Amino acid sequence: MDDLLANRIRRLENQVNAVVTQLSRTNTDLIELYGELHNCYDPDSSRAIELEKKIEIIQIRIQALSTLTPREVRY
């Protein structure tokens, strides 16, 4: 493998690691927001249905991101 190809592969590996880290942070942020929204939820509130939908959307996104962010990256 020539140096040019090896450098390109290293750059791609670094980009993958950066994206995985970014996705993990995004998921952590969503989990925190989910917790805050859940704490605000009041079934008697006039906005209860709207809040339920937002909580459900965040749950779906958390699950989707969880499948995209492996616990560790192996090459």
C-alpha atoms as a PDB file:
ATOM      1  CA  MET A   1       0.000   0.000   0.000  1.00  0.00           C
ATOM      2  CA  ASP A   2       1.482   3.301  -0.986  1.00  0.00           C
ATOM      3  CA  ASP A   3       1.766   6.270   1.362  1.00  0.00           C
ATOM      4  CA  LEU A   4      -0.956   8.238  -0.421  1.00  0.00           C
ATOM      5  CA  LEU A   5      -3.506   5.467   0.071  1.00  0.00           C
ATOM      6  CA  ALA A   6      -2.423   4.881   3.672  1.00  0.00           C
ATOM      7  CA  ASN A   7      -2.858   8.595   4.437  1.00  0.00           C
ATOM      8  CA  ARG A   8      -6.280   8.626   2.804  1.00  0.00           C
ATOM      9  CA  ILE A   9      -7.377   5.622   4.863  1.00  0.00           C
ATOM     10  CA  ARG A  10      -6.120   7.261   8.075  1.00  0.00           C
ATOM     11  CA  ARG A  11      -8.053  10.447   7.239  1.00  0.00           C
ATOM     12  CA  LEU A  12     -11.212   8.428   6.604  1.00  0.00           C
ATOM     13  CA  GLU A  13     -10.757   6.545   9.883  1.00  0.00           C
ATOM     14  CA  ASN A  14     -10.385   9.859  11.709  1.00  0.00           C
ATOM     15  CA  GLN A  15     -13.544  11.173  10.044  1.00  0.00           C
ATOM     16  CA  VAL A  16     -15.464   8.044  11.036  1.00  0.00           C
ATOM     17  CA  ASN A  17     -14.291   8.413  14.631  1.00  0.00           C
ATOM     18  CA  ALA A  18     -15.327  12.086  14.646  1.00  0.00           C
ATOM     19  CA  VAL A  19     -18.799  11.274  13.306  1.00  0.00           C
ATOM     20  CA  VAL A  20     -19.292   8.450  15.812  1.00  0.00           C
ATOM     21  CA  THR A  21     -18.280  10.800  18.643  1.00  0.00           C
ATOM     22  CA  GLN A  22     -20.653  13.446  17.317  1.00  0.00           C
ATOM     23  CA  LEU A  23     -23.542  10.959  17.145  1.00  0.00           C
ATOM     24  CA  SER A  24     -22.834   9.820  20.701  1.00  0.00           C
ATOM     25  CA  ARG A  25     -22.916  13.419  21.933  1.00  0.00           C
ATOM     26  CA  THR A  26     -26.129  14.089  20.002  1.00  0.00           C
ATOM     27  CA  ASN A  27     -27.731  11.031  21.552  1.00  0.00           C
ATOM     28  CA  THR A  28     -26.619  12.113  25.034  1.00  0.00           C
ATOM     29  CA  ASP A  29     -28.119  15.562  24.417  1.00  0.00           C
ATOM     30  CA  LEU A  30     -31.384  13.990  23.255  1.00  0.00           C
ATOM     31  CA  ILE A  31     -31.519  11.778  26.346  1.00  0.00           C
ATOM     32  CA  GLU A  32     -31.084  14.837  28.567  1.00  0.00           C
ATOM     33  CA  LEU A  33     -33.803  16.728  26.676  1.00  0.00           C
ATOM     34  CA  TYR A  34     -36.080  13.703  26.910  1.00  0.00           C
ATOM     35  CA  GLY A  35     -35.608  13.662  30.682  1.00  0.00           C
ATOM     36  CA  GLU A  36     -36.395  17.359  30.958  1.00  0.00           C
ATOM     37  CA  LEU A  37     -39.516  17.054  28.802  1.00  0.00           C
ATOM     38  CA  HIS A  38     -40.625  13.989  30.733  1.00  0.00           C
ATOM     39  CA  ASN A  39     -40.283  15.929  33.994  1.00  0.00           C
ATOM     40  CA  CYS A  40     -42.451  18.734  32.555  1.00  0.00           C
ATOM     41  CA  TYR A  41     -45.187  16.342  31.452  1.00  0.00           C
ATOM     42  CA  ASP A  42     -48.534  16.874  33.166  1.00  0.00           C
ATOM     43  CA  PRO A  43     -51.409  14.723  31.851  1.00  0.00           C
ATOM     44  CA  ASP A  44     -53.894  17.403  32.949  1.00  0.00           C
ATOM     45  CA  SER A  45     -52.153  20.143  30.960  1.00  0.00           C
ATOM     46  CA  SER A  46     -53.751  21.583  27.833  1.00  0.00           C
ATOM     47  CA  ARG A  47     -50.478  20.802  26.026  1.00  0.00           C
ATOM     48  CA  ALA A  48     -50.265  17.183  27.205  1.00  0.00           C
ATOM     49  CA  ILE A  49     -50.951  15.665  23.775  1.00  0.00           C
ATOM     50  CA  GLU A  50     -48.424  17.952  22.088  1.00  0.00           C
ATOM     51  CA  LEU A  51     -45.801  17.105  24.710  1.00  0.00           C
ATOM     52  CA  GLU A  52     -46.529  13.365  24.402  1.00  0.00           C
ATOM     53  CA  LYS A  53     -45.864  13.582  20.655  1.00  0.00           C
ATOM     54  CA  LYS A  54     -42.590  15.437  21.185  1.00  0.00           C
ATOM     55  CA  ILE A  55     -41.467  12.912  23.799  1.00  0.00           C
ATOM     56  CA  GLU A  56     -42.331  10.065  21.416  1.00  0.00           C
ATOM     57  CA  ILE A  57     -40.387  11.696  18.548  1.00  0.00           C
ATOM     58  CA  ILE A  58     -37.332  12.117  20.779  1.00  0.00           C
ATOM     59  CA  GLN A  59     -37.591   8.469  21.903  1.00  0.00           C
ATOM     60  CA  ILE A  60     -37.618   7.338  18.264  1.00  0.00           C
ATOM     61  CA  ARG A  61     -34.575   9.487  17.463  1.00  0.00           C
ATOM     62  CA  ILE A  62     -32.698   8.189  20.508  1.00  0.00           C
ATOM     63  CA  GLN A  63     -33.367   4.611  19.414  1.00  0.00           C
ATOM     64  CA  ALA A  64     -32.316   5.357  15.834  1.00  0.00           C
ATOM     65  CA  LEU A  65     -29.088   7.055  16.909  1.00  0.00           C
ATOM     66  CA  SER A  66     -28.337   4.228  19.339  1.00  0.00           C
ATOM     67  CA  THR A  67     -28.278   1.779  16.448  1.00  0.00           C
ATOM     68  CA  LEU A  68     -25.859   4.029  14.546  1.00  0.00           C
ATOM     69  CA  THR A  69     -23.362   4.643  17.337  1.00  0.00           C
ATOM     70  CA  PRO A  70     -21.431   1.503  18.212  1.00  0.00           C
ATOM     71  CA  ARG A  71     -19.979   1.237  21.686  1.00  0.00           C
ATOM     72  CA  GLU A  72     -16.534   0.937  20.163  1.00  0.00           C
ATOM     73  CA  VAL A  73     -15.212   1.164  16.651  1.00  0.00           C
ATOM     74  CA  ARG A  74     -13.168  -1.739  15.319  1.00  0.00           C
ATOM     75  CA  TYR A  75     -11.235  -1.873  12.076  1.00  0.00           C
END
